[in-house]
PDB file of all heavy atoms in Angstrom:
ATOM      1  N   ARG A   1       1.367  -3.230   6.604  1.00  0.00           N
ATOM      2  CA  ARG A   1       2.312  -2.936   7.669  1.00  0.00           C
ATOM      3  C   ARG A   1       1.612  -2.997   9.014  1.00  0.00           C
ATOM      4  O   ARG A   1       0.401  -2.797   9.107  1.00  0.00           O
ATOM      5  CB  ARG A   1       2.973  -1.568   7.471  1.00  0.00           C
ATOM      6  CG  ARG A   1       2.024  -0.382   7.579  1.00  0.00           C
ATOM      7  CD  ARG A   1       2.739   0.903   7.199  1.00  0.00           C
ATOM      8  NE  ARG A   1       1.883   2.073   7.355  1.00  0.00           N
ATOM      9  CZ  ARG A   1       2.217   3.296   6.983  1.00  0.00           C
ATOM     10  NH1 ARG A   1       3.414   3.522   6.426  1.00  0.00           N
ATOM     11  NH2 ARG A   1       1.372   4.308   7.167  1.00  0.00           N
ATOM     12  N   GLN A   2       2.394  -3.270  10.030  1.00  0.00           N
ATOM     13  CA  GLN A   2       1.853  -3.366  11.369  1.00  0.00           C
ATOM     14  C   GLN A   2       2.848  -2.785  12.362  1.00  0.00           C
ATOM     15  O   GLN A   2       3.974  -3.266  12.476  1.00  0.00           O
ATOM     16  CB  GLN A   2       1.529  -4.812  11.739  1.00  0.00           C
ATOM     17  CG  GLN A   2       0.803  -4.955  13.054  1.00  0.00           C
ATOM     18  CD  GLN A   2       0.221  -6.333  13.242  1.00  0.00           C
ATOM     19  OE1 GLN A   2       0.699  -7.303  12.652  1.00  0.00           O
ATOM     20  NE2 GLN A   2      -0.818  -6.438  14.051  1.00  0.00           N
ATOM     21  N   ALA A   3       2.414  -1.761  13.053  1.00  0.00           N
ATOM     22  CA  ALA A   3       3.216  -1.145  14.092  1.00  0.00           C
ATOM     23  C   ALA A   3       2.864  -1.768  15.435  1.00  0.00           C
ATOM     24  O   ALA A   3       1.764  -2.310  15.609  1.00  0.00           O
ATOM     25  CB  ALA A   3       2.972   0.363  14.129  1.00  0.00           C
ATOM     26  N   PRO A   4       3.769  -1.709  16.404  1.00  0.00           N
ATOM     27  CA  PRO A   4       3.485  -2.295  17.718  1.00  0.00           C
ATOM     28  C   PRO A   4       2.196  -1.739  18.317  1.00  0.00           C
ATOM     29  O   PRO A   4       1.987  -0.527  18.350  1.00  0.00           O
ATOM     30  CB  PRO A   4       4.698  -1.893  18.551  1.00  0.00           C
ATOM     31  CG  PRO A   4       5.795  -1.732  17.549  1.00  0.00           C
ATOM     32  CD  PRO A   4       5.127  -1.155  16.332  1.00  0.00           C
ATOM     33  N   GLY A   5       1.339  -2.635  18.776  1.00  0.00           N
ATOM     34  CA  GLY A   5       0.098  -2.233  19.403  1.00  0.00           C
ATOM     35  C   GLY A   5      -0.987  -1.779  18.459  1.00  0.00           C
ATOM     36  O   GLY A   5      -2.051  -1.352  18.924  1.00  0.00           O
ATOM     37  N   LYS A   6      -0.753  -1.863  17.162  1.00  0.00           N
ATOM     38  CA  LYS A   6      -1.734  -1.434  16.179  1.00  0.00           C
ATOM     39  C   LYS A   6      -2.123  -2.597  15.276  1.00  0.00           C
ATOM     40  O   LYS A   6      -1.404  -3.583  15.162  1.00  0.00           O
ATOM     41  CB  LYS A   6      -1.191  -0.278  15.345  1.00  0.00           C
ATOM     42  CG  LYS A   6      -0.842   0.967  16.146  1.00  0.00           C
ATOM     43  CD  LYS A   6      -0.268   2.063  15.267  1.00  0.00           C
ATOM     44  CE  LYS A   6      -1.279   2.592  14.273  1.00  0.00           C
ATOM     45  NZ  LYS A   6      -0.722   3.706  13.462  1.00  0.00           N
ATOM     46  N   GLU A   7      -3.252  -2.446  14.636  1.00  0.00           N
ATOM     47  CA  GLU A   7      -3.709  -3.474  13.718  1.00  0.00           C
ATOM     48  C   GLU A   7      -2.935  -3.402  12.418  1.00  0.00           C
ATOM     49  O   GLU A   7      -2.362  -2.369  12.063  1.00  0.00           O
ATOM     50  CB  GLU A   7      -5.212  -3.316  13.448  1.00  0.00           C
ATOM     51  CG  GLU A   7      -5.572  -2.038  12.717  1.00  0.00           C
ATOM     52  CD  GLU A   7      -7.067  -1.880  12.502  1.00  0.00           C
ATOM     53  OE1 GLU A   7      -7.823  -2.749  12.970  1.00  0.00           O
ATOM     54  OE2 GLU A   7      -7.477  -0.894  11.869  1.00  0.00           O
ATOM     55  N   ARG A   8      -2.910  -4.513  11.711  1.00  0.00           N
ATOM     56  CA  ARG A   8      -2.253  -4.534  10.420  1.00  0.00           C
ATOM     57  C   ARG A   8      -3.056  -3.700   9.431  1.00  0.00           C
ATOM     58  O   ARG A   8      -4.271  -3.857   9.324  1.00  0.00           O
ATOM     59  CB  ARG A   8      -2.113  -5.973   9.925  1.00  0.00           C
ATOM     60  CG  ARG A   8      -1.250  -6.113   8.691  1.00  0.00           C
ATOM     61  CD  ARG A   8      -0.894  -7.576   8.432  1.00  0.00           C
ATOM     62  NE  ARG A   8      -0.107  -8.131   9.526  1.00  0.00           N
ATOM     63  CZ  ARG A   8       0.435  -9.336   9.505  1.00  0.00           C
ATOM     64  NH1 ARG A   8       0.283 -10.123   8.448  1.00  0.00           N
ATOM     65  NH2 ARG A   8       1.128  -9.764  10.553  1.00  0.00           N
ATOM     66  N   GLU A   9      -2.375  -2.823   8.710  1.00  0.00           N
ATOM     67  CA  GLU A   9      -3.063  -1.923   7.805  1.00  0.00           C
ATOM     68  C   GLU A   9      -2.557  -2.063   6.380  1.00  0.00           C
ATOM     69  O   GLU A   9      -1.386  -2.365   6.126  1.00  0.00           O
ATOM     70  CB  GLU A   9      -2.935  -0.467   8.267  1.00  0.00           C
ATOM     71  CG  GLU A   9      -1.533   0.100   8.182  1.00  0.00           C
ATOM     72  CD  GLU A   9      -1.481   1.585   8.486  1.00  0.00           C
ATOM     73  OE1 GLU A   9      -2.541   2.251   8.467  1.00  0.00           O
ATOM     74  OE2 GLU A   9      -0.372   2.096   8.748  1.00  0.00           O
ATOM     75  N   PHE A  10      -3.451  -1.798   5.477  1.00  0.00           N
ATOM     76  CA  PHE A  10      -3.139  -1.844   4.059  1.00  0.00           C
ATOM     77  C   PHE A  10      -2.240  -0.689   3.664  1.00  0.00           C
ATOM     78  O   PHE A  10      -2.416   0.438   4.134  1.00  0.00           O
ATOM     79  CB  PHE A  10      -4.442  -1.792   3.255  1.00  0.00           C
ATOM     80  CG  PHE A  10      -4.238  -1.577   1.788  1.00  0.00           C
ATOM     81  CD1 PHE A  10      -3.863  -2.626   0.966  1.00  0.00           C
ATOM     82  CD2 PHE A  10      -4.427  -0.331   1.223  1.00  0.00           C
ATOM     83  CE1 PHE A  10      -3.680  -2.437  -0.394  1.00  0.00           C
ATOM     84  CE2 PHE A  10      -4.253  -0.122  -0.125  1.00  0.00           C
ATOM     85  CZ  PHE A  10      -3.874  -1.184  -0.938  1.00  0.00           C
ATOM     86  N   VAL A  11      -1.296  -0.968   2.764  1.00  0.00           N
ATOM     87  CA  VAL A  11      -0.384   0.053   2.275  1.00  0.00           C
ATOM     88  C   VAL A  11      -0.532   0.262   0.771  1.00  0.00           C
ATOM     89  O   VAL A  11      -0.746   1.382   0.309  1.00  0.00           O
ATOM     90  CB  VAL A  11       1.079  -0.299   2.602  1.00  0.00           C
ATOM     91  CG1 VAL A  11       2.030   0.713   1.971  1.00  0.00           C
ATOM     92  CG2 VAL A  11       1.280  -0.358   4.109  1.00  0.00           C
ATOM     93  N   ALA A  12      -0.408  -0.807  -0.005  1.00  0.00           N
ATOM     94  CA  ALA A  12      -0.432  -0.671  -1.459  1.00  0.00           C
ATOM     95  C   ALA A  12      -0.809  -1.995  -2.099  1.00  0.00           C
ATOM     96  O   ALA A  12      -0.574  -3.065  -1.535  1.00  0.00           O
ATOM     97  CB  ALA A  12       0.930  -0.200  -1.989  1.00  0.00           C
ATOM     98  N   HIS A  13      -1.363  -1.909  -3.290  1.00  0.00           N
ATOM     99  CA  HIS A  13      -1.793  -3.086  -4.037  1.00  0.00           C
ATOM    100  C   HIS A  13      -1.399  -2.925  -5.492  1.00  0.00           C
ATOM    101  O   HIS A  13      -1.414  -1.808  -6.026  1.00  0.00           O
ATOM    102  CB  HIS A  13      -3.315  -3.246  -3.918  1.00  0.00           C
ATOM    103  CG  HIS A  13      -3.895  -4.358  -4.740  1.00  0.00           C
ATOM    104  ND1 HIS A  13      -4.222  -4.210  -6.076  1.00  0.00           N
ATOM    105  CD2 HIS A  13      -4.217  -5.639  -4.415  1.00  0.00           C
ATOM    106  CE1 HIS A  13      -4.714  -5.341  -6.534  1.00  0.00           C
ATOM    107  NE2 HIS A  13      -4.722  -6.222  -5.549  1.00  0.00           N
ATOM    108  N   ILE A  14      -1.062  -4.040  -6.127  1.00  0.00           N
ATOM    109  CA  ILE A  14      -0.743  -4.028  -7.543  1.00  0.00           C
ATOM    110  C   ILE A  14      -1.402  -5.228  -8.205  1.00  0.00           C
ATOM    111  O   ILE A  14      -1.420  -6.335  -7.661  1.00  0.00           O
ATOM    112  CB  ILE A  14       0.781  -4.000  -7.787  1.00  0.00           C
ATOM    113  CG1 ILE A  14       1.095  -3.769  -9.267  1.00  0.00           C
ATOM    114  CG2 ILE A  14       1.446  -5.277  -7.263  1.00  0.00           C
ATOM    115  CD1 ILE A  14       2.549  -3.387  -9.504  1.00  0.00           C
ATOM    116  N   SER A  15      -1.946  -4.999  -9.387  1.00  0.00           N
ATOM    117  CA  SER A  15      -2.633  -6.053 -10.108  1.00  0.00           C
ATOM    118  C   SER A  15      -1.644  -7.078 -10.649  1.00  0.00           C
ATOM    119  O   SER A  15      -0.428  -6.893 -10.610  1.00  0.00           O
ATOM    120  CB  SER A  15      -3.457  -5.462 -11.247  1.00  0.00           C
ATOM    121  OG  SER A  15      -2.629  -4.787 -12.177  1.00  0.00           O
ATOM    122  N   ARG A  16      -2.184  -8.153 -11.171  1.00  0.00           N
ATOM    123  CA  ARG A  16      -1.345  -9.261 -11.621  1.00  0.00           C
ATOM    124  C   ARG A  16      -0.361  -8.875 -12.705  1.00  0.00           C
ATOM    125  O   ARG A  16       0.791  -9.346 -12.708  1.00  0.00           O
ATOM    126  CB  ARG A  16      -2.228 -10.419 -12.097  1.00  0.00           C
ATOM    127  CG  ARG A  16      -3.023 -11.074 -10.974  1.00  0.00           C
ATOM    128  CD  ARG A  16      -3.877 -12.205 -11.489  1.00  0.00           C
ATOM    129  NE  ARG A  16      -4.924 -11.740 -12.394  1.00  0.00           N
ATOM    130  CZ  ARG A  16      -5.776 -12.534 -13.016  1.00  0.00           C
ATOM    131  NH1 ARG A  16      -5.722 -13.853 -12.835  1.00  0.00           N
ATOM    132  NH2 ARG A  16      -6.696 -12.024 -13.823  1.00  0.00           N
ATOM    133  N   SER A  17      -0.794  -8.023 -13.614  1.00  0.00           N
ATOM    134  CA  SER A  17       0.080  -7.579 -14.690  1.00  0.00           C
ATOM    135  C   SER A  17       0.905  -6.358 -14.317  1.00  0.00           C
ATOM    136  O   SER A  17       1.822  -5.985 -15.061  1.00  0.00           O
ATOM    137  CB  SER A  17      -0.749  -7.260 -15.928  1.00  0.00           C
ATOM    138  OG  SER A  17      -1.563  -6.122 -15.704  1.00  0.00           O
ATOM    139  N   GLY A  18       0.578  -5.736 -13.211  1.00  0.00           N
ATOM    140  CA  GLY A  18       1.242  -4.513 -12.811  1.00  0.00           C
ATOM    141  C   GLY A  18       0.622  -3.260 -13.384  1.00  0.00           C
ATOM    142  O   GLY A  18       1.128  -2.157 -13.148  1.00  0.00           O
ATOM    143  N   GLY A  19      -0.480  -3.400 -14.109  1.00  0.00           N
ATOM    144  CA  GLY A  19      -1.076  -2.263 -14.778  1.00  0.00           C
ATOM    145  C   GLY A  19      -1.904  -1.357 -13.895  1.00  0.00           C
ATOM    146  O   GLY A  19      -2.187  -0.220 -14.283  1.00  0.00           O
ATOM    147  N   THR A  20      -2.310  -1.844 -12.742  1.00  0.00           N
ATOM    148  CA  THR A  20      -3.151  -1.067 -11.849  1.00  0.00           C
ATOM    149  C   THR A  20      -2.559  -1.083 -10.456  1.00  0.00           C
ATOM    150  O   THR A  20      -2.200  -2.149  -9.944  1.00  0.00           O
ATOM    151  CB  THR A  20      -4.576  -1.627 -11.807  1.00  0.00           C
ATOM    152  OG1 THR A  20      -5.120  -1.658 -13.131  1.00  0.00           O
ATOM    153  CG2 THR A  20      -5.466  -0.766 -10.920  1.00  0.00           C
ATOM    154  N   THR A  21      -2.455   0.082  -9.862  1.00  0.00           N
ATOM    155  CA  THR A  21      -1.970   0.193  -8.489  1.00  0.00           C
ATOM    156  C   THR A  21      -2.946   0.996  -7.659  1.00  0.00           C
ATOM    157  O   THR A  21      -3.718   1.804  -8.178  1.00  0.00           O
ATOM    158  CB  THR A  21      -0.584   0.845  -8.433  1.00  0.00           C
ATOM    159  OG1 THR A  21      -0.643   2.147  -9.039  1.00  0.00           O
ATOM    160  CG2 THR A  21       0.439  -0.007  -9.174  1.00  0.00           C
ATOM    161  N   TYR A  22      -2.889   0.778  -6.361  1.00  0.00           N
ATOM    162  CA  TYR A  22      -3.778   1.457  -5.429  1.00  0.00           C
ATOM    163  C   TYR A  22      -3.035   1.628  -4.119  1.00  0.00           C
ATOM    164  O   TYR A  22      -2.349   0.713  -3.659  1.00  0.00           O
ATOM    165  CB  TYR A  22      -5.056   0.645  -5.224  1.00  0.00           C
ATOM    166  CG  TYR A  22      -6.038   1.260  -4.275  1.00  0.00           C
ATOM    167  CD1 TYR A  22      -6.827   2.332  -4.664  1.00  0.00           C
ATOM    168  CD2 TYR A  22      -6.193   0.772  -2.983  1.00  0.00           C
ATOM    169  CE1 TYR A  22      -7.739   2.900  -3.794  1.00  0.00           C
ATOM    170  CE2 TYR A  22      -7.100   1.333  -2.100  1.00  0.00           C
ATOM    171  CZ  TYR A  22      -7.870   2.399  -2.513  1.00  0.00           C
ATOM    172  OH  TYR A  22      -8.767   2.955  -1.652  1.00  0.00           O
ATOM    173  N   TYR A  23      -3.196   2.799  -3.498  1.00  0.00           N
ATOM    174  CA  TYR A  23      -2.446   3.123  -2.300  1.00  0.00           C
ATOM    175  C   TYR A  23      -3.350   3.620  -1.186  1.00  0.00           C
ATOM    176  O   TYR A  23      -4.384   4.248  -1.431  1.00  0.00           O
ATOM    177  CB  TYR A  23      -1.415   4.214  -2.592  1.00  0.00           C
ATOM    178  CG  TYR A  23      -0.405   3.834  -3.639  1.00  0.00           C
ATOM    179  CD1 TYR A  23      -0.623   4.126  -4.980  1.00  0.00           C
ATOM    180  CD2 TYR A  23       0.769   3.179  -3.284  1.00  0.00           C
ATOM    181  CE1 TYR A  23       0.298   3.772  -5.946  1.00  0.00           C
ATOM    182  CE2 TYR A  23       1.695   2.822  -4.246  1.00  0.00           C
ATOM    183  CZ  TYR A  23       1.457   3.120  -5.573  1.00  0.00           C
ATOM    184  OH  TYR A  23       2.379   2.769  -6.525  1.00  0.00           O
ATOM    185  N   ALA A  24      -2.924   3.353   0.021  1.00  0.00           N
ATOM    186  CA  ALA A  24      -3.567   3.976   1.162  1.00  0.00           C
ATOM    187  C   ALA A  24      -3.308   5.475   1.120  1.00  0.00           C
ATOM    188  O   ALA A  24      -2.262   5.929   0.650  1.00  0.00           O
ATOM    189  CB  ALA A  24      -3.032   3.380   2.464  1.00  0.00           C
ATOM    190  N   ASP A  25      -4.264   6.243   1.622  1.00  0.00           N
ATOM    191  CA  ASP A  25      -4.115   7.691   1.613  1.00  0.00           C
ATOM    192  C   ASP A  25      -2.851   8.147   2.337  1.00  0.00           C
ATOM    193  O   ASP A  25      -2.234   9.145   1.962  1.00  0.00           O
ATOM    194  CB  ASP A  25      -5.331   8.350   2.264  1.00  0.00           C
ATOM    195  CG  ASP A  25      -6.590   8.231   1.424  1.00  0.00           C
ATOM    196  OD1 ASP A  25      -6.482   7.927   0.220  1.00  0.00           O
ATOM    197  OD2 ASP A  25      -7.683   8.446   1.977  1.00  0.00           O
ATOM    198  N   SER A  26      -2.463   7.406   3.345  1.00  0.00           N
ATOM    199  CA  SER A  26      -1.329   7.802   4.159  1.00  0.00           C
ATOM    200  C   SER A  26       0.006   7.722   3.433  1.00  0.00           C
ATOM    201  O   SER A  26       0.976   8.344   3.865  1.00  0.00           O
ATOM    202  CB  SER A  26      -1.275   6.950   5.430  1.00  0.00           C
ATOM    203  OG  SER A  26      -1.151   5.575   5.108  1.00  0.00           O
ATOM    204  N   VAL A  27       0.062   6.959   2.337  1.00  0.00           N
ATOM    205  CA  VAL A  27       1.328   6.774   1.636  1.00  0.00           C
ATOM    206  C   VAL A  27       1.291   7.235   0.189  1.00  0.00           C
ATOM    207  O   VAL A  27       2.352   7.332  -0.445  1.00  0.00           O
ATOM    208  CB  VAL A  27       1.792   5.305   1.684  1.00  0.00           C
ATOM    209  CG1 VAL A  27       1.838   4.796   3.116  1.00  0.00           C
ATOM    210  CG2 VAL A  27       0.898   4.412   0.826  1.00  0.00           C
ATOM    211  N   GLU A  28       0.132   7.515  -0.342  1.00  0.00           N
ATOM    212  CA  GLU A  28       0.029   7.914  -1.744  1.00  0.00           C
ATOM    213  C   GLU A  28       0.859   9.162  -2.005  1.00  0.00           C
ATOM    214  O   GLU A  28       0.815  10.126  -1.245  1.00  0.00           O
ATOM    215  CB  GLU A  28      -1.423   8.141  -2.138  1.00  0.00           C
ATOM    216  CG  GLU A  28      -1.603   8.358  -3.630  1.00  0.00           C
ATOM    217  CD  GLU A  28      -3.025   8.129  -4.087  1.00  0.00           C
ATOM    218  OE1 GLU A  28      -3.926   8.047  -3.235  1.00  0.00           O
ATOM    219  OE2 GLU A  28      -3.240   8.019  -5.305  1.00  0.00           O
ATOM    220  N   GLY A  29       1.609   9.123  -3.086  1.00  0.00           N
ATOM    221  CA  GLY A  29       2.502  10.214  -3.426  1.00  0.00           C
ATOM    222  C   GLY A  29       3.905  10.032  -2.897  1.00  0.00           C
ATOM    223  O   GLY A  29       4.824  10.721  -3.354  1.00  0.00           O
ATOM    224  N   ARG A  30       4.073   9.121  -1.942  1.00  0.00           N
ATOM    225  CA  ARG A  30       5.386   8.864  -1.365  1.00  0.00           C
ATOM    226  C   ARG A  30       5.889   7.457  -1.675  1.00  0.00           C
ATOM    227  O   ARG A  30       7.093   7.249  -1.833  1.00  0.00           O
ATOM    228  CB  ARG A  30       5.356   9.052   0.148  1.00  0.00           C
ATOM    229  CG  ARG A  30       4.981  10.464   0.585  1.00  0.00           C
ATOM    230  CD  ARG A  30       5.141  10.642   2.089  1.00  0.00           C
ATOM    231  NE  ARG A  30       4.244   9.758   2.836  1.00  0.00           N
ATOM    232  CZ  ARG A  30       4.651   8.827   3.690  1.00  0.00           C
ATOM    233  NH1 ARG A  30       5.946   8.653   3.929  1.00  0.00           N
ATOM    234  NH2 ARG A  30       3.766   8.075   4.333  1.00  0.00           N
ATOM    235  N   PHE A  31       4.974   6.505  -1.738  1.00  0.00           N
ATOM    236  CA  PHE A  31       5.331   5.108  -1.970  1.00  0.00           C
ATOM    237  C   PHE A  31       4.935   4.700  -3.379  1.00  0.00           C
ATOM    238  O   PHE A  31       3.933   5.172  -3.918  1.00  0.00           O
ATOM    239  CB  PHE A  31       4.612   4.185  -0.983  1.00  0.00           C
ATOM    240  CG  PHE A  31       5.071   4.282   0.444  1.00  0.00           C
ATOM    241  CD1 PHE A  31       5.914   5.289   0.875  1.00  0.00           C
ATOM    242  CD2 PHE A  31       4.644   3.338   1.364  1.00  0.00           C
ATOM    243  CE1 PHE A  31       6.324   5.371   2.191  1.00  0.00           C
ATOM    244  CE2 PHE A  31       5.046   3.405   2.682  1.00  0.00           C
ATOM    245  CZ  PHE A  31       5.887   4.416   3.102  1.00  0.00           C
ATOM    246  N   THR A  32       5.701   3.787  -3.952  1.00  0.00           N
ATOM    247  CA  THR A  32       5.402   3.237  -5.262  1.00  0.00           C
ATOM    248  C   THR A  32       5.542   1.724  -5.218  1.00  0.00           C
ATOM    249  O   THR A  32       6.598   1.208  -4.841  1.00  0.00           O
ATOM    250  CB  THR A  32       6.334   3.798  -6.346  1.00  0.00           C
ATOM    251  OG1 THR A  32       6.222   5.227  -6.388  1.00  0.00           O
ATOM    252  CG2 THR A  32       5.960   3.231  -7.708  1.00  0.00           C
ATOM    253  N   ILE A  33       4.489   1.025  -5.594  1.00  0.00           N
ATOM    254  CA  ILE A  33       4.542  -0.422  -5.687  1.00  0.00           C
ATOM    255  C   ILE A  33       4.767  -0.806  -7.143  1.00  0.00           C
ATOM    256  O   ILE A  33       4.213  -0.183  -8.053  1.00  0.00           O
ATOM    257  CB  ILE A  33       3.259  -1.069  -5.122  1.00  0.00           C
ATOM    258  CG1 ILE A  33       3.394  -2.598  -5.075  1.00  0.00           C
ATOM    259  CG2 ILE A  33       2.029  -0.654  -5.909  1.00  0.00           C
ATOM    260  CD1 ILE A  33       2.252  -3.294  -4.331  1.00  0.00           C
ATOM    261  N   SER A  34       5.588  -1.803  -7.366  1.00  0.00           N
ATOM    262  CA  SER A  34       5.858  -2.280  -8.710  1.00  0.00           C
ATOM    263  C   SER A  34       6.153  -3.769  -8.645  1.00  0.00           C
ATOM    264  O   SER A  34       6.344  -4.334  -7.562  1.00  0.00           O
ATOM    265  CB  SER A  34       7.022  -1.519  -9.348  1.00  0.00           C
ATOM    266  OG  SER A  34       8.219  -1.702  -8.612  1.00  0.00           O
TER     267      SER A  34
END
C-alpha cells in the first residue's frame, strides 16, 4: 500500500500454495491474505 507522500510499504504475503502467510506488524491480527 502507498499513502500520499509516503513510500510504498509491505502489507501481506502469501506463498504459492497458500500454506504460508506473513503480515506487516501494523496489520497483523486485522488483515487476512488468502
